[in-house]
Amino acid sequence: NQGCSAQRPLLSPMRQQYRFYADYPDHIKVTLPALSPTMETGTIISWQKKEGKK
């Protein structure tokens, strides 16, 4: 006897990407200076500005 299994339909890759970004609150991208020509990513250790300050 084989049971019935219900599976959630997979979302298209574009729909998955849209859903992923839609889960974030409103935000802006912060551009950081590269410390070397090959640097692609960085990590913010602490944030010195208060909310709303530019």
PDB file of N, CA and C in Angstrom:
ATOM      1  N   ASN A   1       0.845  -1.175   0.000  1.00  0.00           N
ATOM      2  CA  ASN A   1       0.000   0.000   0.000  1.00  0.00           C
ATOM      3  C   ASN A   1       0.885   1.231   0.000  1.00  0.00           C
ATOM      4  N   GLN A   2       0.776   2.048  -1.043  1.00  0.00           N
ATOM      5  CA  GLN A   2       1.558   3.276  -1.129  1.00  0.00           C
ATOM      6  C   GLN A   2       0.687   4.448  -0.714  1.00  0.00           C
ATOM      7  N   GLY A   3       1.200   5.249   0.179  1.00  0.00           N
ATOM      8  CA  GLY A   3       0.458   6.415   0.645  1.00  0.00           C
ATOM      9  C   GLY A   3       0.536   7.557  -0.354  1.00  0.00           C
ATOM     10  N   CYS A   4      -0.353   8.464  -0.200  1.00  0.00           N
ATOM     11  CA  CYS A   4      -0.385   9.656  -1.044  1.00  0.00           C
ATOM     12  C   CYS A   4       0.464  10.735  -0.374  1.00  0.00           C
ATOM     13  N   SER A   5       1.312  11.372  -1.140  1.00  0.00           N
ATOM     14  CA  SER A   5       2.106  12.458  -0.556  1.00  0.00           C
ATOM     15  C   SER A   5       1.790  13.753  -1.293  1.00  0.00           C
ATOM     16  N   ALA A   6       1.440  14.756  -0.548  1.00  0.00           N
ATOM     17  CA  ALA A   6       1.160  16.068  -1.136  1.00  0.00           C
ATOM     18  C   ALA A   6       2.426  16.895  -1.062  1.00  0.00           C
ATOM     19  N   GLN A   7       2.803  17.464  -2.180  1.00  0.00           N
ATOM     20  CA  GLN A   7       3.993  18.302  -2.205  1.00  0.00           C
ATOM     21  C   GLN A   7       3.611  19.704  -2.642  1.00  0.00           C
ATOM     22  N   ARG A   8       4.247  20.663  -2.029  1.00  0.00           N
ATOM     23  CA  ARG A   8       4.033  22.053  -2.416  1.00  0.00           C
ATOM     24  C   ARG A   8       4.701  22.279  -3.766  1.00  0.00           C
ATOM     25  N   PRO A   9       4.026  22.921  -4.700  1.00  0.00           N
ATOM     26  CA  PRO A   9       4.651  23.154  -6.006  1.00  0.00           C
ATOM     27  C   PRO A   9       5.866  24.072  -5.865  1.00  0.00           C
ATOM     28  N   LEU A  10       6.900  23.778  -6.625  1.00  0.00           N
ATOM     29  CA  LEU A  10       8.107  24.595  -6.587  1.00  0.00           C
ATOM     30  C   LEU A  10       7.868  25.917  -7.297  1.00  0.00           C
ATOM     31  N   LEU A  11       8.444  26.971  -6.759  1.00  0.00           N
ATOM     32  CA  LEU A  11       8.334  28.281  -7.388  1.00  0.00           C
ATOM     33  C   LEU A  11       9.424  28.424  -8.438  1.00  0.00           C
ATOM     34  N   SER A  12       9.158  29.205  -9.463  1.00  0.00           N
ATOM     35  CA  SER A  12      10.174  29.455 -10.476  1.00  0.00           C
ATOM     36  C   SER A  12      11.329  30.214  -9.827  1.00  0.00           C
ATOM     37  N   PRO A  13      12.546  30.125 -10.390  1.00  0.00           N
ATOM     38  CA  PRO A  13      13.689  30.830  -9.797  1.00  0.00           C
ATOM     39  C   PRO A  13      13.436  32.331  -9.642  1.00  0.00           C
ATOM     40  N   MET A  14      12.795  32.967 -10.619  1.00  0.00           N
ATOM     41  CA  MET A  14      12.519  34.399 -10.533  1.00  0.00           C
ATOM     42  C   MET A  14      11.555  34.677  -9.389  1.00  0.00           C
ATOM     43  N   ARG A  15      10.557  33.844  -9.231  1.00  0.00           N
ATOM     44  CA  ARG A  15       9.577  34.016  -8.154  1.00  0.00           C
ATOM     45  C   ARG A  15      10.242  33.805  -6.793  1.00  0.00           C
ATOM     46  N   GLN A  16      11.158  32.835  -6.699  1.00  0.00           N
ATOM     47  CA  GLN A  16      11.876  32.595  -5.451  1.00  0.00           C
ATOM     48  C   GLN A  16      12.712  33.813  -5.079  1.00  0.00           C
ATOM     49  N   GLN A  17      13.393  34.416  -6.072  1.00  0.00           N
ATOM     50  CA  GLN A  17      14.222  35.589  -5.816  1.00  0.00           C
ATOM     51  C   GLN A  17      13.356  36.752  -5.349  1.00  0.00           C
ATOM     52  N   TYR A  18      12.223  36.985  -5.996  1.00  0.00           N
ATOM     53  CA  TYR A  18      11.319  38.064  -5.616  1.00  0.00           C
ATOM     54  C   TYR A  18      10.824  37.857  -4.190  1.00  0.00           C
ATOM     55  N   ARG A  19      10.476  36.650  -3.886  1.00  0.00           N
ATOM     56  CA  ARG A  19       9.962  36.344  -2.549  1.00  0.00           C
ATOM     57  C   ARG A  19      11.043  36.554  -1.492  1.00  0.00           C
ATOM     58  N   PHE A  20      12.285  36.181  -1.806  1.00  0.00           N
ATOM     59  CA  PHE A  20      13.399  36.341  -0.885  1.00  0.00           C
ATOM     60  C   PHE A  20      13.602  37.814  -0.538  1.00  0.00           C
ATOM     61  N   TYR A  21      13.648  38.683  -1.546  1.00  0.00           N
ATOM     62  CA  TYR A  21      13.862  40.106  -1.294  1.00  0.00           C
ATOM     63  C   TYR A  21      12.637  40.759  -0.676  1.00  0.00           C
ATOM     64  N   ALA A  22      11.467  40.249  -0.937  1.00  0.00           N
ATOM     65  CA  ALA A  22      10.247  40.821  -0.374  1.00  0.00           C
ATOM     66  C   ALA A  22      10.165  40.564   1.130  1.00  0.00           C
ATOM     67  N   ASP A  23      10.933  39.603   1.640  1.00  0.00           N
ATOM     68  CA  ASP A  23      10.913  39.294   3.063  1.00  0.00           C
ATOM     69  C   ASP A  23      11.707  40.302   3.901  1.00  0.00           C
ATOM     70  N   TYR A  24      12.556  41.113   3.258  1.00  0.00           N
ATOM     71  CA  TYR A  24      13.351  42.104   3.982  1.00  0.00           C
ATOM     72  C   TYR A  24      12.543  43.370   4.228  1.00  0.00           C
ATOM     73  N   PRO A  25      12.809  44.081   5.332  1.00  0.00           N
ATOM     74  CA  PRO A  25      12.171  45.385   5.531  1.00  0.00           C
ATOM     75  C   PRO A  25      12.767  46.399   4.548  1.00  0.00           C
ATOM     76  N   ASP A  26      12.171  47.580   4.429  1.00  0.00           N
ATOM     77  CA  ASP A  26      12.716  48.618   3.556  1.00  0.00           C
ATOM     78  C   ASP A  26      14.176  48.863   3.925  1.00  0.00           C
ATOM     79  N   HIS A  27      15.036  48.994   2.915  1.00  0.00           N
ATOM     80  CA  HIS A  27      16.458  49.150   3.172  1.00  0.00           C
ATOM     81  C   HIS A  27      17.135  49.862   2.010  1.00  0.00           C
ATOM     82  N   ILE A  28      18.372  50.289   2.220  1.00  0.00           N
ATOM     83  CA  ILE A  28      19.198  50.849   1.158  1.00  0.00           C
ATOM     84  C   ILE A  28      20.514  50.082   1.128  1.00  0.00           C
ATOM     85  N   LYS A  29      21.153  50.063  -0.034  1.00  0.00           N
ATOM     86  CA  LYS A  29      22.455  49.415  -0.154  1.00  0.00           C
ATOM     87  C   LYS A  29      23.529  50.398   0.288  1.00  0.00           C
ATOM     88  N   VAL A  30      24.481  49.923   1.048  1.00  0.00           N
ATOM     89  CA  VAL A  30      25.599  50.738   1.506  1.00  0.00           C
ATOM     90  C   VAL A  30      26.837  50.262   0.760  1.00  0.00           C
ATOM     91  N   THR A  31      27.460  51.166  -0.002  1.00  0.00           N
ATOM     92  CA  THR A  31      28.660  50.819  -0.753  1.00  0.00           C
ATOM     93  C   THR A  31      29.878  51.010   0.142  1.00  0.00           C
ATOM     94  N   LEU A  32      30.696  49.991   0.232  1.00  0.00           N
ATOM     95  CA  LEU A  32      31.909  50.042   1.043  1.00  0.00           C
ATOM     96  C   LEU A  32      33.123  50.107   0.126  1.00  0.00           C
ATOM     97  N   PRO A  33      34.187  50.804   0.541  1.00  0.00           N
ATOM     98  CA  PRO A  33      35.394  50.848  -0.292  1.00  0.00           C
ATOM     99  C   PRO A  33      36.101  49.494  -0.285  1.00  0.00           C
ATOM    100  N   ALA A  34      36.625  49.107  -1.440  1.00  0.00           N
ATOM    101  CA  ALA A  34      37.391  47.862  -1.530  1.00  0.00           C
ATOM    102  C   ALA A  34      38.786  48.112  -0.968  1.00  0.00           C
ATOM    103  N   LEU A  35      39.258  47.228  -0.124  1.00  0.00           N
ATOM    104  CA  LEU A  35      40.587  47.376   0.465  1.00  0.00           C
ATOM    105  C   LEU A  35      41.673  46.734  -0.390  1.00  0.00           C
ATOM    106  N   SER A  36      41.264  46.012  -1.441  1.00  0.00           N
ATOM    107  CA  SER A  36      42.205  45.434  -2.398  1.00  0.00           C
ATOM    108  C   SER A  36      41.482  45.295  -3.732  1.00  0.00           C
ATOM    109  N   PRO A  37      42.230  45.183  -4.838  1.00  0.00           N
ATOM    110  CA  PRO A  37      41.586  45.067  -6.158  1.00  0.00           C
ATOM    111  C   PRO A  37      40.727  43.815  -6.322  1.00  0.00           C
ATOM    112  N   THR A  38      40.978  42.792  -5.526  1.00  0.00           N
ATOM    113  CA  THR A  38      40.231  41.538  -5.667  1.00  0.00           C
ATOM    114  C   THR A  38      39.093  41.408  -4.659  1.00  0.00           C
ATOM    115  N   MET A  39      38.931  42.386  -3.783  1.00  0.00           N
ATOM    116  CA  MET A  39      37.894  42.311  -2.743  1.00  0.00           C
ATOM    117  C   MET A  39      36.510  42.411  -3.359  1.00  0.00           C
ATOM    118  N   GLU A  40      35.629  41.481  -3.019  1.00  0.00           N
ATOM    119  CA  GLU A  40      34.263  41.466  -3.547  1.00  0.00           C
ATOM    120  C   GLU A  40      33.209  41.620  -2.461  1.00  0.00           C
ATOM    121  N   THR A  41      33.494  41.195  -1.237  1.00  0.00           N
ATOM    122  CA  THR A  41      32.525  41.283  -0.149  1.00  0.00           C
ATOM    123  C   THR A  41      33.216  41.772   1.117  1.00  0.00           C
ATOM    124  N   GLY A  42      32.426  42.237   2.049  1.00  0.00           N
ATOM    125  CA  GLY A  42      32.952  42.678   3.335  1.00  0.00           C
ATOM    126  C   GLY A  42      31.917  42.456   4.419  1.00  0.00           C
ATOM    127  N   THR A  43      32.334  42.576   5.657  1.00  0.00           N
ATOM    128  CA  THR A  43      31.441  42.391   6.791  1.00  0.00           C
ATOM    129  C   THR A  43      31.478  43.636   7.666  1.00  0.00           C
ATOM    130  N   ILE A  44      30.312  44.147   8.014  1.00  0.00           N
ATOM    131  CA  ILE A  44      30.230  45.290   8.918  1.00  0.00           C
ATOM    132  C   ILE A  44      30.262  44.745  10.345  1.00  0.00           C
ATOM    133  N   ILE A  45      31.260  45.158  11.098  1.00  0.00           N
ATOM    134  CA  ILE A  45      31.423  44.684  12.477  1.00  0.00           C
ATOM    135  C   ILE A  45      30.556  45.499  13.426  1.00  0.00           C
ATOM    136  N   SER A  46      30.541  46.819  13.251  1.00  0.00           N
ATOM    137  CA  SER A  46      29.684  47.664  14.090  1.00  0.00           C
ATOM    138  C   SER A  46      29.175  48.837  13.260  1.00  0.00           C
ATOM    139  N   TRP A  47      28.011  49.334  13.621  1.00  0.00           N
ATOM    140  CA  TRP A  47      27.371  50.442  12.913  1.00  0.00           C
ATOM    141  C   TRP A  47      27.408  51.645  13.839  1.00  0.00           C
ATOM    142  N   GLN A  48      28.101  52.717  13.421  1.00  0.00           N
ATOM    143  CA  GLN A  48      28.330  53.875  14.280  1.00  0.00           C
ATOM    144  C   GLN A  48      27.240  54.940  14.179  1.00  0.00           C
ATOM    145  N   LYS A  49      26.430  54.906  13.140  1.00  0.00           N
ATOM    146  CA  LYS A  49      25.380  55.907  12.943  1.00  0.00           C
ATOM    147  C   LYS A  49      24.112  55.492  13.674  1.00  0.00           C
ATOM    148  N   LYS A  50      23.364  56.477  14.133  1.00  0.00           N
ATOM    149  CA  LYS A  50      22.061  56.220  14.746  1.00  0.00           C
ATOM    150  C   LYS A  50      21.009  56.116  13.647  1.00  0.00           C
ATOM    151  N   GLU A  51      19.892  55.486  13.925  1.00  0.00           N
ATOM    152  CA  GLU A  51      18.819  55.326  12.955  1.00  0.00           C
ATOM    153  C   GLU A  51      18.362  56.695  12.453  1.00  0.00           C
ATOM    154  N   GLY A  52      18.267  56.830  11.127  1.00  0.00           N
ATOM    155  CA  GLY A  52      17.817  58.074  10.515  1.00  0.00           C
ATOM    156  C   GLY A  52      18.941  59.034  10.161  1.00  0.00           C
ATOM    157  N   LYS A  53      20.148  58.858  10.687  1.00  0.00           N
ATOM    158  CA  LYS A  53      21.289  59.728  10.380  1.00  0.00           C
ATOM    159  C   LYS A  53      21.911  59.295   9.067  1.00  0.00           C
ATOM    160  N   LYS A  54      22.439  60.281   8.320  1.00  0.00           N
ATOM    161  CA  LYS A  54      23.079  59.967   7.035  1.00  0.00           C
ATOM    162  C   LYS A  54      24.558  60.234   7.082  1.00  0.00           C
TER     163      LYS A  54
END
